[in-house]
Each structure stands twice: as structure tokens, then as C-alpha cells.
Amino acid sequence: MDILTGMLANGIELGALALAVWALVDAVMRPTPLYTAADKLTKPAWLGITGGAAAVSLLTDTLGIFGLVALVASIVYLVDVRPALREVQRGNPW
């Protein structure tokens, strides 16, 4: 049972790191004016948040408090900021 628990924990750790890196790469790829057009924080702010989340995910335990904060920050970018940026980029007003 310990092997299964360890594999599950490693899978969660890798998944959290993958989400953080995905959020960071997506934030880097988006043009700077989109962030203000979508009424979100600036691009440097989101680069700092997602970069910090990626670093924390790499260096700490995902199930610790800092790892959970990093995971939430990555999820917020991916489910709130990214769709708003995509809508603005496509030209849809809503």
C-alpha cells in the first residue's frame, strides 16, 4: 500500500507542476495589451504569480500550504484569466 500511496503522491506533484508550467508558458505567450483589455492584472504581475507558482511547485510539497497556494494560483490563471484573454484576442466583447 505504501508504494501505491507514493505513486499517487508523485502523480499529484507532477500534475501540479505541469499545471503551473502550463500557466506560466501561456502567460508568457499572450501579448501584453490583452491583460489590460480583459480587465485583469498586468502581464508582469501574472508572470510573477505563475512563475512563483511554478517555482514553488518545483521546490515544495504540493500538499503543503505553499504548494496548495501555488496550485490555486495556477488554476485561477487557467480558468479565469486565460479564457478572458482568449475572448479579447478573438474580439468578442463578452
C-alpha atoms as a PDB file:
ATOM      1  CA  MET A   1       0.000   0.000   0.000  1.00  0.00           C
ATOM      2  CA  ASP A   2       2.929   2.354   0.620  1.00  0.00           C
ATOM      3  CA  ILE A   3       4.084   2.042  -2.985  1.00  0.00           C
ATOM      4  CA  LEU A   4       0.627   2.949  -4.263  1.00  0.00           C
ATOM      5  CA  THR A   5       0.466   5.947  -1.925  1.00  0.00           C
ATOM      6  CA  GLY A   6       3.886   7.101  -3.059  1.00  0.00           C
ATOM      7  CA  MET A   7       2.960   6.765  -6.708  1.00  0.00           C
ATOM      8  CA  LEU A   8      -0.253   8.715  -6.140  1.00  0.00           C
ATOM      9  CA  ALA A   9       1.634  11.476  -4.319  1.00  0.00           C
ATOM     10  CA  ASN A  10       4.197  11.649  -7.128  1.00  0.00           C
ATOM     11  CA  GLY A  11       1.397  11.847  -9.687  1.00  0.00           C
ATOM     12  CA  ILE A  12      -0.210  14.734  -7.814  1.00  0.00           C
ATOM     13  CA  GLU A  13       3.141  16.510  -7.569  1.00  0.00           C
ATOM     14  CA  LEU A  14       3.823  16.112 -11.295  1.00  0.00           C
ATOM     15  CA  GLY A  15       0.302  17.181 -12.184  1.00  0.00           C
ATOM     16  CA  ALA A  16       0.578  20.344 -10.081  1.00  0.00           C
ATOM     17  CA  LEU A  17       3.948  21.148 -11.629  1.00  0.00           C
ATOM     18  CA  ALA A  18       2.558  20.582 -15.134  1.00  0.00           C
ATOM     19  CA  LEU A  19      -0.357  22.948 -14.422  1.00  0.00           C
ATOM     20  CA  ALA A  20       1.995  25.619 -13.085  1.00  0.00           C
ATOM     21  CA  VAL A  21       4.316  25.357 -16.087  1.00  0.00           C
ATOM     22  CA  TRP A  22       1.348  25.424 -18.489  1.00  0.00           C
ATOM     23  CA  ALA A  23       0.029  28.587 -16.825  1.00  0.00           C
ATOM     24  CA  LEU A  24       3.470  30.223 -16.959  1.00  0.00           C
ATOM     25  CA  VAL A  25       4.056  29.365 -20.624  1.00  0.00           C
ATOM     26  CA  ASP A  26       0.585  30.592 -21.553  1.00  0.00           C
ATOM     27  CA  ALA A  27       1.145  33.857 -19.660  1.00  0.00           C
ATOM     28  CA  VAL A  28       4.438  34.394 -21.487  1.00  0.00           C
ATOM     29  CA  MET A  29       2.844  33.758 -24.890  1.00  0.00           C
ATOM     30  CA  ARG A  30      -0.025  36.260 -24.534  1.00  0.00           C
ATOM     31  CA  PRO A  31       0.544  39.838 -25.747  1.00  0.00           C
ATOM     32  CA  THR A  32       0.847  42.478 -23.027  1.00  0.00           C
ATOM     33  CA  PRO A  33      -2.120  44.691 -24.087  1.00  0.00           C
ATOM     34  CA  LEU A  34      -4.570  41.792 -23.745  1.00  0.00           C
ATOM     35  CA  TYR A  35      -4.263  41.788 -19.965  1.00  0.00           C
ATOM     36  CA  THR A  36      -5.469  45.358 -19.537  1.00  0.00           C
ATOM     37  CA  ALA A  37      -8.065  44.954 -22.295  1.00  0.00           C
ATOM     38  CA  ALA A  38      -9.509  41.987 -20.383  1.00  0.00           C
ATOM     39  CA  ASP A  39      -9.530  43.980 -17.095  1.00  0.00           C
ATOM     40  CA  LYS A  40      -7.046  41.616 -15.452  1.00  0.00           C
ATOM     41  CA  LEU A  41      -3.787  42.245 -13.649  1.00  0.00           C
ATOM     42  CA  THR A  42      -0.874  43.278 -15.845  1.00  0.00           C
ATOM     43  CA  LYS A  43       1.275  40.786 -17.698  1.00  0.00           C
ATOM     44  CA  PRO A  44       4.277  41.266 -15.365  1.00  0.00           C
ATOM     45  CA  ALA A  45       2.007  40.591 -12.387  1.00  0.00           C
ATOM     46  CA  TRP A  46       0.723  37.351 -13.882  1.00  0.00           C
ATOM     47  CA  LEU A  47       4.219  36.343 -14.932  1.00  0.00           C
ATOM     48  CA  GLY A  48       5.304  36.810 -11.330  1.00  0.00           C
ATOM     49  CA  ILE A  49       2.337  34.881  -9.972  1.00  0.00           C
ATOM     50  CA  THR A  50       2.610  31.978 -12.397  1.00  0.00           C
ATOM     51  CA  GLY A  51       6.409  31.931 -12.249  1.00  0.00           C
ATOM     52  CA  GLY A  52       6.294  31.898  -8.467  1.00  0.00           C
ATOM     53  CA  ALA A  53       3.717  29.117  -8.575  1.00  0.00           C
ATOM     54  CA  ALA A  54       5.937  27.063 -10.881  1.00  0.00           C
ATOM     55  CA  ALA A  55       8.954  27.587  -8.627  1.00  0.00           C
ATOM     56  CA  VAL A  56       7.010  26.686  -5.500  1.00  0.00           C
ATOM     57  CA  SER A  57       5.539  23.609  -7.201  1.00  0.00           C
ATOM     58  CA  LEU A  58       9.027  22.508  -8.152  1.00  0.00           C
ATOM     59  CA  LEU A  59      10.604  23.122  -4.763  1.00  0.00           C
ATOM     60  CA  THR A  60       7.956  22.241  -2.183  1.00  0.00           C
ATOM     61  CA  ASP A  61       5.414  19.599  -1.321  1.00  0.00           C
ATOM     62  CA  THR A  62       2.177  20.138  -3.246  1.00  0.00           C
ATOM     63  CA  LEU A  63       0.067  19.104  -0.290  1.00  0.00           C
ATOM     64  CA  GLY A  64       1.711  21.678   1.987  1.00  0.00           C
ATOM     65  CA  ILE A  65       0.280  25.159   2.408  1.00  0.00           C
ATOM     66  CA  PHE A  66       2.650  26.815  -0.075  1.00  0.00           C
ATOM     67  CA  GLY A  67       2.092  24.090  -2.636  1.00  0.00           C
ATOM     68  CA  LEU A  68      -1.668  24.454  -2.351  1.00  0.00           C
ATOM     69  CA  VAL A  69      -1.437  28.232  -2.760  1.00  0.00           C
ATOM     70  CA  ALA A  70       0.705  27.722  -5.870  1.00  0.00           C
ATOM     71  CA  LEU A  71      -1.794  25.219  -7.235  1.00  0.00           C
ATOM     72  CA  VAL A  72      -4.700  27.606  -6.649  1.00  0.00           C
ATOM     73  CA  ALA A  73      -2.808  30.462  -8.344  1.00  0.00           C
ATOM     74  CA  SER A  74      -2.186  28.304 -11.417  1.00  0.00           C
ATOM     75  CA  ILE A  75      -5.798  27.194 -11.528  1.00  0.00           C
ATOM     76  CA  VAL A  76      -7.061  30.775 -11.207  1.00  0.00           C
ATOM     77  CA  TYR A  77      -4.941  31.805 -14.172  1.00  0.00           C
ATOM     78  CA  LEU A  78      -6.083  28.871 -16.289  1.00  0.00           C
ATOM     79  CA  VAL A  79      -9.821  29.063 -15.531  1.00  0.00           C
ATOM     80  CA  ASP A  80     -10.301  32.840 -15.159  1.00  0.00           C
ATOM     81  CA  VAL A  81      -7.555  34.862 -16.814  1.00  0.00           C
ATOM     82  CA  ARG A  82      -6.766  32.644 -19.799  1.00  0.00           C
ATOM     83  CA  PRO A  83     -10.375  32.442 -21.082  1.00  0.00           C
ATOM     84  CA  ALA A  84     -10.762  36.221 -20.700  1.00  0.00           C
ATOM     85  CA  LEU A  85      -7.575  36.819 -22.667  1.00  0.00           C
ATOM     86  CA  ARG A  86      -8.695  34.430 -25.383  1.00  0.00           C
ATOM     87  CA  GLU A  87     -12.049  36.190 -25.706  1.00  0.00           C
ATOM     88  CA  VAL A  88     -10.377  39.583 -26.058  1.00  0.00           C
ATOM     89  CA  GLN A  89      -7.903  38.171 -28.545  1.00  0.00           C
ATOM     90  CA  ARG A  90     -10.759  36.823 -30.668  1.00  0.00           C
ATOM     91  CA  GLY A  91     -12.542  40.180 -30.492  1.00  0.00           C
ATOM     92  CA  ASN A  92     -15.651  39.037 -28.648  1.00  0.00           C
ATOM     93  CA  PRO A  93     -16.940  41.748 -26.289  1.00  0.00           C
ATOM     94  CA  TRP A  94     -18.374  39.329 -23.722  1.00  0.00           C
END
